[in-house]
N, C-alpha and C. Protein backbone atom coordinates (compact mmCIF):
# COMPACT_ATOMS: atom_id res chain seq x y z
N UNK A 1 2.74 -9.00 16.53
CA UNK A 1 2.38 -7.90 15.94
C UNK A 1 1.48 -6.76 16.58
N UNK A 2 1.49 -5.61 16.28
CA UNK A 2 1.01 -4.66 17.08
C UNK A 2 -0.38 -4.17 16.80
N UNK A 3 -1.15 -3.46 17.76
CA UNK A 3 -2.20 -2.85 17.35
C UNK A 3 -2.19 -1.80 16.45
N UNK A 4 -3.44 -1.77 15.30
CA UNK A 4 -3.27 -0.69 14.45
C UNK A 4 -3.70 0.54 15.13
N UNK A 5 -2.84 1.50 14.41
CA UNK A 5 -3.60 2.86 14.60
C UNK A 5 -4.30 3.43 13.55
N UNK A 6 -5.24 4.10 14.07
CA UNK A 6 -6.40 4.55 13.29
C UNK A 6 -5.98 5.86 12.05
N UNK A 7 -4.92 6.26 12.04
CA UNK A 7 -4.38 7.11 11.04
C UNK A 7 -3.53 6.98 9.70
N UNK A 8 -2.61 5.83 9.88
CA UNK A 8 -1.99 5.14 9.12
C UNK A 8 -2.50 4.11 7.94
N UNK A 9 -2.48 4.50 6.65
CA UNK A 9 -2.71 3.40 5.67
C UNK A 9 -2.01 2.46 4.60
N UNK A 10 -2.12 1.30 4.70
CA UNK A 10 -0.93 0.75 4.07
C UNK A 10 -1.13 0.81 2.33
N UNK A 11 -0.04 1.09 1.54
CA UNK A 11 -0.80 1.02 0.05
C UNK A 11 -0.02 0.08 -0.64
N UNK A 12 -1.47 -0.97 -1.00
CA UNK A 12 -0.39 -2.09 -2.01
C UNK A 12 0.30 -1.89 -3.14
N UNK A 13 0.92 -2.07 -3.70
CA UNK A 13 1.13 -2.08 -5.20
C UNK A 13 0.74 -1.85 -6.45
N UNK A 14 -0.78 -2.08 -6.27
CA UNK A 14 -1.40 -1.85 -7.60
C UNK A 14 -1.78 -0.47 -7.24
N UNK A 15 -2.33 0.18 -6.30
CA UNK A 15 -2.36 1.24 -6.37
C UNK A 15 -1.25 2.32 -6.74
N UNK A 16 -0.36 2.05 -6.60
CA UNK A 16 0.77 2.79 -7.33
C UNK A 16 0.59 2.80 -8.84
N UNK A 17 0.52 1.48 -9.44
CA UNK A 17 0.59 1.08 -10.68
C UNK A 17 -0.79 2.21 -11.21
N UNK A 18 -1.80 2.13 -10.27
CA UNK A 18 -2.95 2.78 -11.14
C UNK A 18 -2.74 4.09 -10.93
N UNK A 19 -2.07 4.62 -10.01
CA UNK A 19 -1.64 5.98 -10.13
C UNK A 19 -1.07 6.85 -11.18
N UNK A 20 -0.31 5.62 -11.64
CA UNK A 20 1.00 6.17 -13.09
C UNK A 20 0.14 5.49 -14.23
N UNK A 21 -0.45 4.39 -14.21
CA UNK A 21 -0.50 3.95 -15.29
C UNK A 21 -2.09 3.59 -15.87
N UNK A 22 -3.19 3.98 -15.49
CA UNK A 22 -4.49 3.58 -15.36
C UNK A 22 -4.88 4.68 -16.15
N UNK A 23 -6.07 4.76 -16.52
CA UNK A 23 -7.07 5.66 -17.25
C UNK A 23 -7.15 6.80 -16.09
N UNK A 24 -7.50 8.15 -16.77
CA UNK A 24 -7.42 9.03 -16.25
C UNK A 24 -8.40 9.05 -14.85
N UNK A 25 -9.48 8.35 -14.93
CA UNK A 25 -10.82 8.40 -14.14
C UNK A 25 -10.33 7.05 -12.83
N UNK A 26 -9.54 6.79 -13.11
CA UNK A 26 -8.73 6.21 -12.12
C UNK A 26 -7.24 6.67 -11.71
N UNK A 27 -6.43 7.03 -11.93
CA UNK A 27 -5.50 7.47 -11.99
C UNK A 27 -5.44 9.21 -11.13
N UNK A 28 -6.50 9.48 -11.74
CA UNK A 28 -6.63 11.55 -10.93
C UNK A 28 -6.90 11.12 -9.49
N UNK A 29 -7.65 10.36 -9.01
CA UNK A 29 -8.19 10.58 -7.57
C UNK A 29 -6.78 9.92 -6.59
N UNK A 30 -6.26 8.84 -7.27
CA UNK A 30 -4.95 8.39 -6.72
C UNK A 30 -4.14 9.55 -6.25
N UNK A 31 -3.55 10.20 -7.24
CA UNK A 31 -2.63 10.95 -7.38
C UNK A 31 -2.90 12.71 -6.61
N UNK A 32 -4.33 12.52 -6.76
CA UNK A 32 -4.60 13.82 -5.55
C UNK A 32 -4.59 12.67 -4.01
N UNK A 33 -4.92 11.67 -3.88
CA UNK A 33 -4.36 10.81 -2.61
C UNK A 33 -3.01 11.34 -2.60
N UNK A 34 -2.24 11.08 -3.35
CA UNK A 34 -0.72 11.23 -3.19
C UNK A 34 -0.40 12.57 -2.82
N UNK A 35 -1.06 13.80 -3.42
CA UNK A 35 -0.66 15.06 -2.89
C UNK A 35 -1.20 15.30 -1.19
N UNK A 36 -2.13 14.65 -0.86
CA UNK A 36 -2.86 14.83 0.18
C UNK A 36 -1.35 14.03 1.32
N UNK A 37 -0.85 12.87 0.77
CA UNK A 37 0.17 12.01 1.83
C UNK A 37 1.48 13.02 1.82
N UNK A 38 1.43 14.04 0.85
CA UNK A 38 2.54 14.78 0.58
C UNK A 38 2.25 15.80 1.84
N UNK A 39 1.07 16.40 1.83
CA UNK A 39 0.68 17.41 2.74
C UNK A 39 0.83 16.80 4.08
N UNK A 40 0.62 15.71 4.24
CA UNK A 40 0.51 14.61 5.63
C UNK A 40 1.31 13.86 5.72
N UNK A 41 2.20 14.01 5.89
CA UNK A 41 3.63 12.85 5.76
C UNK A 41 3.51 11.88 6.98
N UNK A 42 3.83 10.65 6.97
CA UNK A 42 3.56 9.62 7.91
C UNK A 42 2.46 9.10 7.89
N UNK A 43 1.67 9.13 7.25
CA UNK A 43 0.31 8.49 7.08
C UNK A 43 0.45 7.12 6.25
N UNK A 44 0.94 7.45 4.69
CA UNK A 44 0.98 6.36 3.94
C UNK A 44 2.51 5.43 3.77
N UNK A 45 2.16 4.20 4.06
CA UNK A 45 3.10 3.18 4.37
C UNK A 45 3.15 2.21 2.99
N UNK A 46 4.31 1.67 2.57
CA UNK A 46 4.58 0.12 1.82
C UNK A 46 5.70 -0.06 1.99
N UNK A 47 5.62 -1.82 1.41
CA UNK A 47 7.15 -2.55 1.76
C UNK A 47 7.90 -2.17 0.54
N UNK A 48 9.08 -2.68 0.77
CA UNK A 48 9.79 -2.24 -0.43
C UNK A 48 9.40 -3.51 -1.44
N UNK A 49 8.77 -4.40 -1.02
CA UNK A 49 8.18 -5.57 -1.89
C UNK A 49 7.58 -4.76 -3.08
N UNK A 50 6.93 -3.65 -3.06
CA UNK A 50 6.10 -2.64 -4.04
C UNK A 50 6.93 -2.29 -5.15
N UNK A 51 8.51 -2.03 -4.63
CA UNK A 51 9.52 -1.43 -5.74
C UNK A 51 9.63 -2.57 -7.09
N UNK A 52 9.52 -4.11 -6.22
CA UNK A 52 9.98 -5.38 -7.16
C UNK A 52 8.45 -5.48 -8.09
N UNK A 53 7.49 -5.00 -7.61
CA UNK A 53 6.17 -5.18 -7.86
C UNK A 53 6.25 -4.17 -9.16
N UNK A 54 6.59 -3.19 -9.17
CA UNK A 54 6.08 -1.81 -9.96
C UNK A 54 7.02 -1.49 -10.99
N UNK A 55 8.30 -1.89 -10.32
CA UNK A 55 9.03 -1.70 -11.79
C UNK A 55 8.97 -2.68 -12.74
N UNK A 56 9.32 -3.58 -12.73
CA UNK A 56 9.59 -4.84 -14.45
C UNK A 56 8.72 -4.42 -15.11
N UNK A 57 7.43 -3.86 -15.43
CA UNK A 57 7.01 -3.64 -16.96
C UNK A 57 7.18 -2.06 -16.78
N UNK A 58 7.45 -1.15 -16.11
CA UNK A 58 7.30 0.03 -16.06
C UNK A 58 8.46 0.64 -17.21
N UNK A 59 8.05 1.65 -17.61
CA UNK A 59 8.76 2.10 -18.91
C UNK A 59 9.68 3.08 -17.97
N UNK A 60 10.82 3.58 -18.76
CA UNK A 60 11.91 4.59 -18.06
C UNK A 60 11.18 5.48 -17.15
N UNK A 61 10.35 6.18 -17.73
CA UNK A 61 9.93 7.46 -17.19
C UNK A 61 8.59 7.06 -16.14
N UNK A 62 8.26 5.96 -16.27
CA UNK A 62 7.40 5.47 -15.01
C UNK A 62 8.56 5.03 -13.96
N UNK A 63 9.38 4.44 -14.63
CA UNK A 63 10.61 3.70 -13.10
C UNK A 63 10.96 4.98 -12.50
N UNK A 64 11.26 6.08 -13.04
CA UNK A 64 11.74 7.38 -12.16
C UNK A 64 10.43 7.86 -11.53
N UNK A 65 9.48 7.83 -11.99
CA UNK A 65 8.03 8.46 -11.25
C UNK A 65 8.08 7.47 -10.30
N UNK A 66 7.97 5.81 -9.95
CA UNK A 66 8.02 5.20 -8.83
C UNK A 66 8.88 5.41 -8.09
N UNK A 67 10.54 5.52 -8.47
CA UNK A 67 11.46 5.61 -7.41
C UNK A 67 11.28 6.61 -6.76
N UNK A 68 10.94 7.92 -7.42
CA UNK A 68 10.67 9.11 -6.88
C UNK A 68 9.77 9.25 -5.93
N UNK A 69 8.39 8.58 -6.22
CA UNK A 69 7.05 8.49 -4.95
C UNK A 69 7.96 7.88 -4.18
N UNK A 70 7.83 6.72 -4.31
CA UNK A 70 7.85 5.40 -3.38
C UNK A 70 9.26 5.55 -2.47
N UNK A 71 10.70 5.54 -3.23
CA UNK A 71 11.93 5.64 -2.78
C UNK A 71 12.26 7.00 -2.06
N UNK A 72 12.26 8.04 -2.58
CA UNK A 72 13.10 9.34 -2.64
C UNK A 72 12.18 10.35 -2.08
N UNK A 73 10.93 10.33 -2.23
CA UNK A 73 10.37 11.71 -2.00
C UNK A 73 9.83 11.85 -0.36
N UNK A 74 9.89 10.77 0.51
CA UNK A 74 9.40 10.30 1.63
C UNK A 74 7.79 10.98 1.68
N UNK A 75 7.06 10.73 1.05
CA UNK A 75 5.67 10.85 0.84
C UNK A 75 5.27 9.37 1.62
N UNK A 76 5.50 8.54 1.42
CA UNK A 76 5.71 7.11 2.11
C UNK A 76 6.55 6.60 2.45
N UNK A 77 6.08 5.85 3.77
CA UNK A 77 7.16 5.38 4.77
C UNK A 77 7.26 3.94 3.83
N UNK A 78 8.44 3.78 3.64
CA UNK A 78 8.81 2.80 2.75
C UNK A 78 9.75 1.68 3.48
N UNK A 79 9.24 0.80 4.50
CA UNK A 79 9.83 -0.78 5.07
C UNK A 79 10.42 -1.85 4.57
N UNK A 80 11.33 -2.45 4.79
CA UNK A 80 11.92 -3.17 4.19
C UNK A 80 11.68 -4.62 4.96
N UNK A 81 12.00 -5.67 3.82
CA UNK A 81 11.52 -7.07 4.16
C UNK A 81 12.48 -7.21 4.89
N UNK A 82 12.24 -7.40 6.03
CA UNK A 82 13.13 -7.97 7.42
C UNK A 82 12.77 -9.43 7.21
N UNK A 83 14.05 -10.36 8.13
CA UNK A 83 13.83 -11.92 8.30
C UNK A 83 12.44 -11.61 9.64
N UNK A 84 12.31 -11.26 10.58
CA UNK A 84 11.13 -11.28 11.06
C UNK A 84 9.84 -10.63 10.14
N UNK A 85 9.65 -9.81 9.10
CA UNK A 85 8.57 -10.06 8.24
C UNK A 85 7.99 -11.29 7.50
N UNK A 86 9.43 -11.87 7.56
CA UNK A 86 9.30 -13.04 6.50
C UNK A 86 8.87 -13.93 7.64
N UNK A 87 9.24 -14.27 8.73
CA UNK A 87 8.98 -15.30 9.70
C UNK A 87 7.69 -15.13 9.77
N UNK A 88 6.73 -13.69 9.99
CA UNK A 88 5.49 -13.52 10.35
C UNK A 88 4.78 -13.77 9.31
N UNK A 89 5.63 -13.79 8.08
CA UNK A 89 4.66 -13.95 6.95
C UNK A 89 4.24 -15.47 6.56
N UNK A 90 5.36 -16.23 7.23
CA UNK A 90 5.06 -17.73 7.20
C UNK A 90 3.94 -18.11 7.81
N UNK A 91 3.99 -17.41 9.16
CA UNK A 91 2.89 -17.46 10.05
C UNK A 91 1.63 -17.46 9.74
N UNK A 92 1.26 -15.95 8.93
CA UNK A 92 0.35 -15.67 8.47
C UNK A 92 -0.62 -16.60 7.24
N UNK A 93 0.60 -16.70 6.61
CA UNK A 93 -0.07 -17.35 5.56
C UNK A 93 -0.72 -18.96 5.85
N UNK A 94 0.30 -19.36 6.94
CA UNK A 94 -0.40 -20.59 7.52
C UNK A 94 -1.37 -20.61 8.01
N UNK A 95 -1.90 -19.57 8.99
CA UNK A 95 -3.39 -19.19 9.61
C UNK A 95 -4.34 -18.72 9.08
N UNK A 96 -4.32 -18.05 7.84
CA UNK A 96 -5.03 -17.39 6.96
C UNK A 96 -5.25 -18.17 5.95
N UNK A 97 -4.81 -19.11 5.45
CA UNK A 97 -4.99 -19.64 4.44
C UNK A 97 -4.39 -18.78 3.25
N UNK A 98 -3.44 -18.08 3.26
CA UNK A 98 -2.97 -16.78 2.25
C UNK A 98 -2.24 -17.87 1.65
N UNK A 99 -2.49 -18.24 0.22
CA UNK A 99 -1.28 -18.60 -0.71
C UNK A 99 -0.68 -17.61 -1.51
N UNK A 100 -0.79 -16.40 -1.60
CA UNK A 100 -0.12 -15.77 -2.13
C UNK A 100 0.80 -14.78 -1.09
N UNK A 101 2.46 -15.05 -1.53
CA UNK A 101 3.32 -14.60 -1.10
C UNK A 101 3.10 -13.32 -0.76
N UNK A 102 2.90 -12.42 -2.11
CA UNK A 102 3.55 -10.82 -1.96
C UNK A 102 2.45 -10.70 -1.19
N UNK A 103 1.38 -10.91 -0.97
CA UNK A 103 -0.38 -10.52 -0.64
C UNK A 103 0.31 -10.57 1.06
N UNK A 104 0.91 -11.62 1.32
CA UNK A 104 1.05 -11.65 2.73
C UNK A 104 1.86 -10.73 3.46
N UNK A 105 3.12 -10.75 2.44
CA UNK A 105 4.18 -9.91 3.08
C UNK A 105 3.46 -8.21 3.60
N UNK A 106 2.60 -7.92 2.57
CA UNK A 106 1.98 -6.66 2.57
C UNK A 106 1.11 -6.66 3.50
N UNK A 107 0.52 -7.48 3.50
CA UNK A 107 -0.12 -7.57 5.13
C UNK A 107 0.13 -7.78 6.23
N UNK A 108 1.23 -8.31 6.54
CA UNK A 108 2.21 -8.55 8.05
C UNK A 108 2.62 -7.38 7.55
N UNK A 109 3.73 -6.34 6.89
CA UNK A 109 4.20 -5.48 6.62
C UNK A 109 3.11 -4.38 7.50
N UNK A 110 2.05 -4.26 6.98
CA UNK A 110 0.78 -3.37 7.27
C UNK A 110 0.79 -3.57 9.01
N UNK A 111 0.09 -4.80 9.26
CA UNK A 111 0.40 -5.09 10.84
C UNK A 111 1.29 -4.52 11.80
N UNK A 112 2.57 -4.74 11.00
CA UNK A 112 3.70 -4.36 12.14
C UNK A 112 4.24 -2.63 12.04
N UNK A 113 3.50 -2.24 11.03
CA UNK A 113 4.03 -0.86 11.10
C UNK A 113 2.64 -0.19 11.19
N UNK A 114 1.71 -0.78 12.39
CA UNK A 114 0.38 -0.20 12.69
C UNK A 114 -0.43 0.67 11.96
N UNK A 115 -0.24 0.03 10.80
CA UNK A 115 -1.71 0.52 9.73
C UNK A 115 -2.66 0.14 10.45
N UNK A 116 -4.04 0.75 10.29
CA UNK A 116 -5.44 0.28 10.40
C UNK A 116 -6.12 0.14 9.21
N UNK A 117 -5.81 0.16 7.92
CA UNK A 117 -6.32 0.21 6.73
C UNK A 117 -5.29 -0.17 5.65
N UNK A 118 -5.85 -1.06 4.55
CA UNK A 118 -5.13 -1.44 3.67
C UNK A 118 -5.71 -0.87 2.49
N UNK A 119 -4.96 -0.19 1.37
CA UNK A 119 -5.83 0.90 0.22
C UNK A 119 -4.97 -0.59 -0.92
N UNK A 120 -6.07 -0.92 -1.44
CA UNK A 120 -6.00 -1.97 -2.70
C UNK A 120 -6.90 -2.44 -3.54
N UNK A 121 -6.91 -2.31 -5.18
CA UNK A 121 -7.44 -2.76 -5.88
C UNK A 121 -7.88 -4.39 -5.79
N UNK A 122 -7.48 -5.43 -5.11
CA UNK A 122 -7.36 -6.44 -4.54
C UNK A 122 -8.47 -6.97 -3.76
N UNK A 123 -9.26 -7.12 -3.57
CA UNK A 123 -10.72 -7.32 -3.10
C UNK A 123 -10.35 -8.62 -2.30
N UNK A 124 -9.40 -9.79 -2.70
CA UNK A 124 -9.61 -11.25 -2.27
C UNK A 124 -8.38 -11.03 -0.95
N UNK A 125 -7.90 -10.19 -0.74
CA UNK A 125 -7.09 -9.99 0.34
C UNK A 125 -7.51 -10.07 1.39
N UNK A 126 -6.62 -11.28 2.10
CA UNK A 126 -7.69 -11.36 3.40
C UNK A 126 -6.32 -10.83 4.81
N UNK A 127 -7.11 -9.92 5.20
CA UNK A 127 -6.87 -9.20 6.34
C UNK A 127 -7.29 -9.78 7.85
N UNK A 128 -6.10 -9.26 8.71
CA UNK A 128 -6.59 -10.00 10.05
C UNK A 128 -7.81 -9.08 10.50
N UNK A 129 -8.68 -9.48 11.72
CA UNK A 129 -9.48 -8.94 12.41
C UNK A 129 -9.17 -7.60 13.10
N UNK A 130 -9.95 -6.60 12.68
CA UNK A 130 -9.57 -5.40 12.85
C UNK A 130 -8.98 -4.62 12.22
N UNK A 131 -8.54 -4.69 11.17
CA UNK A 131 -8.08 -4.22 9.86
C UNK A 131 -9.00 -4.06 8.63
N UNK A 132 -9.10 -2.83 8.30
CA UNK A 132 -9.84 -2.69 7.02
C UNK A 132 -9.80 -2.39 5.51
N UNK A 133 -9.90 -3.28 4.71
CA UNK A 133 -9.60 -3.00 3.16
C UNK A 133 -10.44 -2.17 2.80
N UNK A 134 -9.44 -1.12 1.75
CA UNK A 134 -10.30 -0.02 1.67
C UNK A 134 -10.22 -0.23 -0.33
N UNK A 135 -11.32 -0.46 -0.71
CA UNK A 135 -10.80 -1.12 -2.51
C UNK A 135 -10.65 0.16 -2.92
N UNK A 136 -9.99 0.34 -3.92
CA UNK A 136 -9.26 1.18 -4.61
C UNK A 136 -10.37 2.25 -5.97
N UNK A 137 -11.09 2.05 -5.74
CA UNK A 137 -12.06 2.83 -6.70
C UNK A 137 -11.82 3.80 -6.49
N UNK A 138 -12.42 4.93 -7.52
CA UNK A 138 -12.44 6.43 -7.84
C UNK A 138 -13.15 7.06 -6.26
N UNK A 139 -14.31 6.35 -6.07
CA UNK A 139 -15.16 6.46 -5.20
C UNK A 139 -14.25 6.77 -3.81
N UNK A 140 -14.09 5.56 -3.80
CA UNK A 140 -13.30 5.10 -2.06
C UNK A 140 -12.20 6.02 -1.93
N UNK A 141 -11.40 6.45 -3.20
CA UNK A 141 -10.11 7.16 -2.90
C UNK A 141 -10.49 8.47 -2.49
N UNK A 142 -11.86 8.90 -3.23
CA UNK A 142 -12.20 10.60 -2.80
C UNK A 142 -12.57 10.36 -1.45
N UNK A 143 -13.33 9.55 -1.27
CA UNK A 143 -14.29 9.81 0.30
C UNK A 143 -12.61 9.52 1.24
N UNK A 144 -11.77 8.76 0.98
CA UNK A 144 -10.98 8.94 1.81
C UNK A 144 -9.62 10.08 1.78
N UNK A 145 -9.32 10.61 0.32
CA UNK A 145 -9.09 12.23 0.29
C UNK A 145 -10.01 13.09 1.53
N UNK A 146 -11.22 12.74 1.12
CA UNK A 146 -12.39 13.69 2.12
C UNK A 146 -11.86 13.37 3.39
N UNK A 147 -11.72 12.43 4.47
CA UNK A 147 -11.78 11.87 5.61
C UNK A 147 -10.11 12.69 6.13
N UNK A 148 -9.36 13.17 5.20
CA UNK A 148 -8.20 13.22 5.81
C UNK A 148 -7.56 14.26 5.40
N UNK A 149 -8.70 15.11 4.92
CA UNK A 149 -8.24 16.74 4.97
C UNK A 149 -9.18 17.48 5.78
């Protein structure tokens, strides 16, 4: 695994769900953050696993939104779940004591794509030393927007 870059941010699946489905006070800051990512390509990263997490319960119009934002727009770098990711995930789960497979895949993808931080609403996510977790509260998202602009 490589050393994180200060400018890349990994987006957990719940960030996309909040941006599309949450109340306005939660959704608006995240939608504003996506606008910043649109203007500054190459900062936002997520795994293809995110698609499998956001699509199942989404209404048809939300599915189109998710697919456009995550897969087609180029706003977010979408990374595949490779064999190497799965092997690293197994090792990470063992050493970090992280039982949730999906969370571990997200963390390993963040590490292998040189992300310095993970934006997530899941504060229980265990990250390796040197990587920071940004709780996806409206205040933290607004602070992140300010730092990126």
